[in-house]
Amino acid sequence: MAVSQTTANKAGISNISQADSDGYYYTPFADVRIYVGTGSPHTIITAPIGSLFIERGSGVLYINTNAGTTWAVVGTQT
């Protein structure tokens, strides 16, 4: 499933203001990024290693493991 970001997703983190080269918005924290959206970022979003993606619909948390497009599930909201 493709990643989708809406105005509501971007409002989830108050200072989300930067877009990566693919047009996905994130909040920078030092050398990592925090993304919020729907769908899985795996093979879609390229980000620095250690970056996080919060899947807004399900609460699944992903971490980037290779400074590329490989993301691993860290946990889920229960």
PDB file of N, CA and C in Angstrom:
ATOM      1  N   MET A   1       0.837  -1.159   0.000  1.00  0.00           N
ATOM      2  CA  MET A   1       0.000   0.000   0.000  1.00  0.00           C
ATOM      3  C   MET A   1       0.893   1.235   0.000  1.00  0.00           C
ATOM      4  N   ALA A   2       0.564   2.199  -0.823  1.00  0.00           N
ATOM      5  CA  ALA A   2       1.332   3.437  -0.899  1.00  0.00           C
ATOM      6  C   ALA A   2       1.131   4.264   0.356  1.00  0.00           C
ATOM      7  N   VAL A   3       2.146   5.011   0.699  1.00  0.00           N
ATOM      8  CA  VAL A   3       2.066   5.908   1.845  1.00  0.00           C
ATOM      9  C   VAL A   3       1.249   7.124   1.452  1.00  0.00           C
ATOM     10  N   SER A   4       0.390   7.554   2.364  1.00  0.00           N
ATOM     11  CA  SER A   4      -0.428   8.740   2.142  1.00  0.00           C
ATOM     12  C   SER A   4      -0.241   9.691   3.310  1.00  0.00           C
ATOM     13  N   GLN A   5      -0.092  10.960   3.006  1.00  0.00           N
ATOM     14  CA  GLN A   5      -0.022  11.976   4.047  1.00  0.00           C
ATOM     15  C   GLN A   5      -1.109  13.000   3.778  1.00  0.00           C
ATOM     16  N   THR A   6      -1.887  13.302   4.794  1.00  0.00           N
ATOM     17  CA  THR A   6      -2.960  14.274   4.670  1.00  0.00           C
ATOM     18  C   THR A   6      -2.671  15.459   5.584  1.00  0.00           C
ATOM     19  N   THR A   7      -3.481  16.490   5.481  1.00  0.00           N
ATOM     20  CA  THR A   7      -3.330  17.636   6.375  1.00  0.00           C
ATOM     21  C   THR A   7      -3.439  17.179   7.828  1.00  0.00           C
ATOM     22  N   ALA A   8      -4.342  16.250   8.103  1.00  0.00           N
ATOM     23  CA  ALA A   8      -4.502  15.740   9.470  1.00  0.00           C
ATOM     24  C   ALA A   8      -3.241  15.016   9.925  1.00  0.00           C
ATOM     25  N   ASN A   9      -2.592  14.246   9.048  1.00  0.00           N
ATOM     26  CA  ASN A   9      -1.348  13.571   9.404  1.00  0.00           C
ATOM     27  C   ASN A   9      -0.282  14.590   9.769  1.00  0.00           C
ATOM     28  N   LYS A  10      -0.161  15.608   8.932  1.00  0.00           N
ATOM     29  CA  LYS A  10       0.875  16.617   9.150  1.00  0.00           C
ATOM     30  C   LYS A  10       0.596  17.442  10.394  1.00  0.00           C
ATOM     31  N   ALA A  11      -0.664  17.574  10.777  1.00  0.00           N
ATOM     32  CA  ALA A  11      -1.016  18.320  11.982  1.00  0.00           C
ATOM     33  C   ALA A  11      -0.704  17.528  13.244  1.00  0.00           C
ATOM     34  N   GLY A  12      -0.437  16.236  13.098  1.00  0.00           N
ATOM     35  CA  GLY A  12      -0.153  15.391  14.252  1.00  0.00           C
ATOM     36  C   GLY A  12       1.116  15.767  14.979  1.00  0.00           C
ATOM     37  N   ILE A  13       2.054  16.361  14.291  1.00  0.00           N
ATOM     38  CA  ILE A  13       3.291  16.845  14.895  1.00  0.00           C
ATOM     39  C   ILE A  13       3.360  18.326  14.554  1.00  0.00           C
ATOM     40  N   SER A  14       3.331  19.163  15.555  1.00  0.00           N
ATOM     41  CA  SER A  14       3.129  20.594  15.341  1.00  0.00           C
ATOM     42  C   SER A  14       4.174  21.280  14.472  1.00  0.00           C
ATOM     43  N   ASN A  15       5.416  20.856  14.514  1.00  0.00           N
ATOM     44  CA  ASN A  15       6.434  21.556  13.725  1.00  0.00           C
ATOM     45  C   ASN A  15       6.862  20.796  12.478  1.00  0.00           C
ATOM     46  N   ILE A  16       5.977  19.940  11.946  1.00  0.00           N
ATOM     47  CA  ILE A  16       6.285  19.223  10.725  1.00  0.00           C
ATOM     48  C   ILE A  16       6.323  20.238   9.589  1.00  0.00           C
ATOM     49  N   SER A  17       7.457  20.366   8.942  1.00  0.00           N
ATOM     50  CA  SER A  17       7.568  21.461   7.994  1.00  0.00           C
ATOM     51  C   SER A  17       8.480  21.184   6.814  1.00  0.00           C
ATOM     52  N   GLN A  18       9.173  20.084   6.826  1.00  0.00           N
ATOM     53  CA  GLN A  18      10.115  19.825   5.752  1.00  0.00           C
ATOM     54  C   GLN A  18       9.648  18.653   4.903  1.00  0.00           C
ATOM     55  N   ALA A  19       9.938  18.733   3.618  1.00  0.00           N
ATOM     56  CA  ALA A  19       9.612  17.639   2.707  1.00  0.00           C
ATOM     57  C   ALA A  19      10.905  17.023   2.193  1.00  0.00           C
ATOM     58  N   ASP A  20      10.915  15.687   2.088  1.00  0.00           N
ATOM     59  CA  ASP A  20      12.092  15.033   1.526  1.00  0.00           C
ATOM     60  C   ASP A  20      12.045  15.114   0.004  1.00  0.00           C
ATOM     61  N   SER A  21      13.016  14.521  -0.656  1.00  0.00           N
ATOM     62  CA  SER A  21      13.104  14.624  -2.120  1.00  0.00           C
ATOM     63  C   SER A  21      11.938  13.941  -2.831  1.00  0.00           C
ATOM     64  N   ASP A  22      11.222  13.052  -2.137  1.00  0.00           N
ATOM     65  CA  ASP A  22      10.047  12.390  -2.716  1.00  0.00           C
ATOM     66  C   ASP A  22       8.746  13.110  -2.376  1.00  0.00           C
ATOM     67  N   GLY A  23       8.840  14.188  -1.590  1.00  0.00           N
ATOM     68  CA  GLY A  23       7.663  14.958  -1.239  1.00  0.00           C
ATOM     69  C   GLY A  23       6.944  14.516   0.024  1.00  0.00           C
ATOM     70  N   TYR A  24       7.558  13.602   0.813  1.00  0.00           N
ATOM     71  CA  TYR A  24       6.962  13.182   2.078  1.00  0.00           C
ATOM     72  C   TYR A  24       7.422  14.126   3.183  1.00  0.00           C
ATOM     73  N   TYR A  25       6.483  14.555   4.020  1.00  0.00           N
ATOM     74  CA  TYR A  25       6.784  15.518   5.074  1.00  0.00           C
ATOM     75  C   TYR A  25       7.246  14.825   6.345  1.00  0.00           C
ATOM     76  N   TYR A  26       8.164  15.485   7.058  1.00  0.00           N
ATOM     77  CA  TYR A  26       8.728  14.926   8.281  1.00  0.00           C
ATOM     78  C   TYR A  26       9.137  16.040   9.230  1.00  0.00           C
ATOM     79  N   THR A  27       9.396  15.649  10.472  1.00  0.00           N
ATOM     80  CA  THR A  27       9.967  16.530  11.475  1.00  0.00           C
ATOM     81  C   THR A  27      11.396  16.074  11.710  1.00  0.00           C
ATOM     82  N   PRO A  28      12.372  16.960  11.565  1.00  0.00           N
ATOM     83  CA  PRO A  28      13.761  16.564  11.797  1.00  0.00           C
ATOM     84  C   PRO A  28      14.129  16.609  13.284  1.00  0.00           C
ATOM     85  N   PHE A  29      14.868  15.623  13.736  1.00  0.00           N
ATOM     86  CA  PHE A  29      15.441  15.593  15.076  1.00  0.00           C
ATOM     87  C   PHE A  29      16.882  15.137  14.929  1.00  0.00           C
ATOM     88  N   ALA A  30      17.798  16.083  15.023  1.00  0.00           N
ATOM     89  CA  ALA A  30      19.221  15.793  14.827  1.00  0.00           C
ATOM     90  C   ALA A  30      19.409  15.117  13.456  1.00  0.00           C
ATOM     91  N   ASP A  31      19.914  13.883  13.435  1.00  0.00           N
ATOM     92  CA  ASP A  31      20.188  13.201  12.164  1.00  0.00           C
ATOM     93  C   ASP A  31      19.090  12.243  11.732  1.00  0.00           C
ATOM     94  N   VAL A  32      17.946  12.236  12.426  1.00  0.00           N
ATOM     95  CA  VAL A  32      16.847  11.353  12.057  1.00  0.00           C
ATOM     96  C   VAL A  32      15.593  12.172  11.752  1.00  0.00           C
ATOM     97  N   ARG A  33      14.612  11.507  11.181  1.00  0.00           N
ATOM     98  CA  ARG A  33      13.347  12.137  10.817  1.00  0.00           C
ATOM     99  C   ARG A  33      12.190  11.365  11.423  1.00  0.00           C
ATOM    100  N   ILE A  34      11.092  12.064  11.701  1.00  0.00           N
ATOM    101  CA  ILE A  34       9.863  11.410  12.142  1.00  0.00           C
ATOM    102  C   ILE A  34       8.781  11.738  11.128  1.00  0.00           C
ATOM    103  N   TYR A  35       8.241  10.684  10.539  1.00  0.00           N
ATOM    104  CA  TYR A  35       7.170  10.800   9.555  1.00  0.00           C
ATOM    105  C   TYR A  35       5.864  10.342  10.178  1.00  0.00           C
ATOM    106  N   VAL A  36       4.744  10.888   9.720  1.00  0.00           N
ATOM    107  CA  VAL A  36       3.419  10.442  10.116  1.00  0.00           C
ATOM    108  C   VAL A  36       2.608  10.286   8.837  1.00  0.00           C
ATOM    109  N   GLY A  37       1.937   9.149   8.672  1.00  0.00           N
ATOM    110  CA  GLY A  37       1.132   8.936   7.471  1.00  0.00           C
ATOM    111  C   GLY A  37       0.332   7.662   7.600  1.00  0.00           C
ATOM    112  N   THR A  38      -0.218   7.222   6.498  1.00  0.00           N
ATOM    113  CA  THR A  38      -0.934   5.955   6.476  1.00  0.00           C
ATOM    114  C   THR A  38      -0.264   5.038   5.473  1.00  0.00           C
ATOM    115  N   GLY A  39      -0.352   3.741   5.707  1.00  0.00           N
ATOM    116  CA  GLY A  39       0.320   2.779   4.847  1.00  0.00           C
ATOM    117  C   GLY A  39       1.719   2.483   5.360  1.00  0.00           C
ATOM    118  N   SER A  40       2.372   1.538   4.744  1.00  0.00           N
ATOM    119  CA  SER A  40       3.723   1.153   5.143  1.00  0.00           C
ATOM    120  C   SER A  40       4.765   1.966   4.370  1.00  0.00           C
ATOM    121  N   PRO A  41       5.806   2.444   5.035  1.00  0.00           N
ATOM    122  CA  PRO A  41       6.858   3.177   4.349  1.00  0.00           C
ATOM    123  C   PRO A  41       7.865   2.262   3.645  1.00  0.00           C
ATOM    124  N   HIS A  42       7.784   0.938   3.921  1.00  0.00           N
ATOM    125  CA  HIS A  42       8.767  -0.017   3.396  1.00  0.00           C
ATOM    126  C   HIS A  42       8.831   0.045   1.871  1.00  0.00           C
ATOM    127  N   THR A  43      10.000   0.212   1.344  1.00  0.00           N
ATOM    128  CA  THR A  43      10.351   0.331  -0.082  1.00  0.00           C
ATOM    129  C   THR A  43       9.842   1.618  -0.722  1.00  0.00           C
ATOM    130  N   ILE A  44       9.240   2.529   0.061  1.00  0.00           N
ATOM    131  CA  ILE A  44       8.691   3.757  -0.514  1.00  0.00           C
ATOM    132  C   ILE A  44       9.454   4.996  -0.061  1.00  0.00           C
ATOM    133  N   ILE A  45       9.669   5.130   1.255  1.00  0.00           N
ATOM    134  CA  ILE A  45      10.311   6.330   1.793  1.00  0.00           C
ATOM    135  C   ILE A  45      11.776   6.040   2.089  1.00  0.00           C
ATOM    136  N   THR A  46      12.650   6.865   1.547  1.00  0.00           N
ATOM    137  CA  THR A  46      14.082   6.795   1.826  1.00  0.00           C
ATOM    138  C   THR A  46      14.376   7.774   2.949  1.00  0.00           C
ATOM    139  N   ALA A  47      15.009   7.292   4.015  1.00  0.00           N
ATOM    140  CA  ALA A  47      15.280   8.145   5.170  1.00  0.00           C
ATOM    141  C   ALA A  47      16.573   7.716   5.852  1.00  0.00           C
ATOM    142  N   PRO A  48      17.133   8.603   6.668  1.00  0.00           N
ATOM    143  CA  PRO A  48      18.336   8.233   7.419  1.00  0.00           C
ATOM    144  C   PRO A  48      18.059   7.072   8.377  1.00  0.00           C
ATOM    145  N   ILE A  49      19.077   6.262   8.628  1.00  0.00           N
ATOM    146  CA  ILE A  49      18.934   5.143   9.564  1.00  0.00           C
ATOM    147  C   ILE A  49      18.502   5.678  10.922  1.00  0.00           C
ATOM    148  N   GLY A  50      17.569   4.981  11.559  1.00  0.00           N
ATOM    149  CA  GLY A  50      17.044   5.401  12.852  1.00  0.00           C
ATOM    150  C   GLY A  50      15.814   6.283  12.762  1.00  0.00           C
ATOM    151  N   SER A  51      15.439   6.698  11.563  1.00  0.00           N
ATOM    152  CA  SER A  51      14.235   7.508  11.398  1.00  0.00           C
ATOM    153  C   SER A  51      13.001   6.689  11.737  1.00  0.00           C
ATOM    154  N   LEU A  52      11.935   7.373  12.144  1.00  0.00           N
ATOM    155  CA  LEU A  52      10.704   6.706  12.557  1.00  0.00           C
ATOM    156  C   LEU A  52       9.549   7.086  11.642  1.00  0.00           C
ATOM    157  N   PHE A  53       8.626   6.141  11.449  1.00  0.00           N
ATOM    158  CA  PHE A  53       7.393   6.389  10.708  1.00  0.00           C
ATOM    159  C   PHE A  53       6.249   5.884  11.567  1.00  0.00           C
ATOM    160  N   ILE A  54       5.291   6.756  11.867  1.00  0.00           N
ATOM    161  CA  ILE A  54       4.119   6.386  12.648  1.00  0.00           C
ATOM    162  C   ILE A  54       2.945   6.247  11.693  1.00  0.00           C
ATOM    163  N   GLU A  55       2.383   5.051  11.634  1.00  0.00           N
ATOM    164  CA  GLU A  55       1.235   4.792  10.756  1.00  0.00           C
ATOM    165  C   GLU A  55      -0.010   5.228  11.521  1.00  0.00           C
ATOM    166  N   ARG A  56      -0.590   6.321  11.092  1.00  0.00           N
ATOM    167  CA  ARG A  56      -1.667   6.974  11.832  1.00  0.00           C
ATOM    168  C   ARG A  56      -2.908   6.110  12.004  1.00  0.00           C
ATOM    169  N   GLY A  57      -3.282   5.326  11.038  1.00  0.00           N
ATOM    170  CA  GLY A  57      -4.500   4.529  11.130  1.00  0.00           C
ATOM    171  C   GLY A  57      -4.413   3.373  12.102  1.00  0.00           C
ATOM    172  N   SER A  58      -3.261   2.708  12.156  1.00  0.00           N
ATOM    173  CA  SER A  58      -3.143   1.509  12.991  1.00  0.00           C
ATOM    174  C   SER A  58      -2.240   1.701  14.208  1.00  0.00           C
ATOM    175  N   GLY A  59      -1.460   2.754  14.229  1.00  0.00           N
ATOM    176  CA  GLY A  59      -0.536   2.976  15.333  1.00  0.00           C
ATOM    177  C   GLY A  59       0.741   2.170  15.229  1.00  0.00           C
ATOM    178  N   VAL A  60       1.002   1.549  14.080  1.00  0.00           N
ATOM    179  CA  VAL A  60       2.231   0.784  13.894  1.00  0.00           C
ATOM    180  C   VAL A  60       3.408   1.760  13.814  1.00  0.00           C
ATOM    181  N   LEU A  61       4.490   1.445  14.523  1.00  0.00           N
ATOM    182  CA  LEU A  61       5.699   2.249  14.525  1.00  0.00           C
ATOM    183  C   LEU A  61       6.788   1.504  13.762  1.00  0.00           C
ATOM    184  N   TYR A  62       7.383   2.179  12.787  1.00  0.00           N
ATOM    185  CA  TYR A  62       8.464   1.604  11.981  1.00  0.00           C
ATOM    186  C   TYR A  62       9.754   2.362  12.250  1.00  0.00           C
ATOM    187  N   ILE A  63      10.895   1.681  12.112  1.00  0.00           N
ATOM    188  CA  ILE A  63      12.200   2.323  12.191  1.00  0.00           C
ATOM    189  C   ILE A  63      12.978   1.979  10.930  1.00  0.00           C
ATOM    190  N   ASN A  64      13.693   2.968  10.396  1.00  0.00           N
ATOM    191  CA  ASN A  64      14.502   2.733   9.212  1.00  0.00           C
ATOM    192  C   ASN A  64      15.783   2.028   9.634  1.00  0.00           C
ATOM    193  N   THR A  65      16.111   0.936   8.967  1.00  0.00           N
ATOM    194  CA  THR A  65      17.240   0.099   9.381  1.00  0.00           C
ATOM    195  C   THR A  65      18.458   0.157   8.467  1.00  0.00           C
ATOM    196  N   ASN A  66      18.365   0.896   7.346  1.00  0.00           N
ATOM    197  CA  ASN A  66      19.505   0.849   6.430  1.00  0.00           C
ATOM    198  C   ASN A  66      19.833   2.169   5.741  1.00  0.00           C
ATOM    199  N   ALA A  67      19.280   3.280   6.202  1.00  0.00           N
ATOM    200  CA  ALA A  67      19.489   4.578   5.546  1.00  0.00           C
ATOM    201  C   ALA A  67      19.009   4.536   4.098  1.00  0.00           C
ATOM    202  N   GLY A  68      18.026   3.719   3.850  1.00  0.00           N
ATOM    203  CA  GLY A  68      17.433   3.595   2.521  1.00  0.00           C
ATOM    204  C   GLY A  68      15.940   3.430   2.666  1.00  0.00           C
ATOM    205  N   THR A  69      15.394   2.408   1.999  1.00  0.00           N
ATOM    206  CA  THR A  69      13.948   2.192   2.025  1.00  0.00           C
ATOM    207  C   THR A  69      13.534   0.957   2.824  1.00  0.00           C
ATOM    208  N   THR A  70      14.424   0.441   3.676  1.00  0.00           N
ATOM    209  CA  THR A  70      14.087  -0.720   4.499  1.00  0.00           C
ATOM    210  C   THR A  70      13.644  -0.246   5.874  1.00  0.00           C
ATOM    211  N   TRP A  71      12.419  -0.626   6.246  1.00  0.00           N
ATOM    212  CA  TRP A  71      11.817  -0.253   7.517  1.00  0.00           C
ATOM    213  C   TRP A  71      11.400  -1.520   8.253  1.00  0.00           C
ATOM    214  N   ALA A  72      11.592  -1.539   9.561  1.00  0.00           N
ATOM    215  CA  ALA A  72      11.171  -2.675  10.382  1.00  0.00           C
ATOM    216  C   ALA A  72      10.100  -2.202  11.367  1.00  0.00           C
ATOM    217  N   VAL A  73       9.141  -3.073  11.649  1.00  0.00           N
ATOM    218  CA  VAL A  73       8.119  -2.754  12.637  1.00  0.00           C
ATOM    219  C   VAL A  73       8.745  -2.817  14.017  1.00  0.00           C
ATOM    220  N   VAL A  74       8.574  -1.745  14.783  1.00  0.00           N
ATOM    221  CA  VAL A  74       9.076  -1.684  16.158  1.00  0.00           C
ATOM    222  C   VAL A  74       7.997  -2.130  17.116  1.00  0.00           C
ATOM    223  N   GLY A  75       6.778  -1.717  16.867  1.00  0.00           N
ATOM    224  CA  GLY A  75       5.677  -2.070  17.757  1.00  0.00           C
ATOM    225  C   GLY A  75       4.361  -1.539  17.216  1.00  0.00           C
ATOM    226  N   THR A  76       3.301  -1.878  17.928  1.00  0.00           N
ATOM    227  CA  THR A  76       1.982  -1.419  17.540  1.00  0.00           C
ATOM    228  C   THR A  76       1.281  -0.841  18.752  1.00  0.00           C
ATOM    229  N   GLN A  77       0.312  -0.005  18.503  1.00  0.00           N
ATOM    230  CA  GLN A  77      -0.489   0.576  19.571  1.00  0.00           C
ATOM    231  C   GLN A  77      -1.587  -0.413  19.931  1.00  0.00           C
ATOM    232  N   THR A  78      -1.725  -0.721  21.203  1.00  0.00           N
ATOM    233  CA  THR A  78      -2.776  -1.641  21.634  1.00  0.00           C
ATOM    234  C   THR A  78      -3.621  -1.022  22.707  1.00  0.00           C
TER     235      THR A  78
END
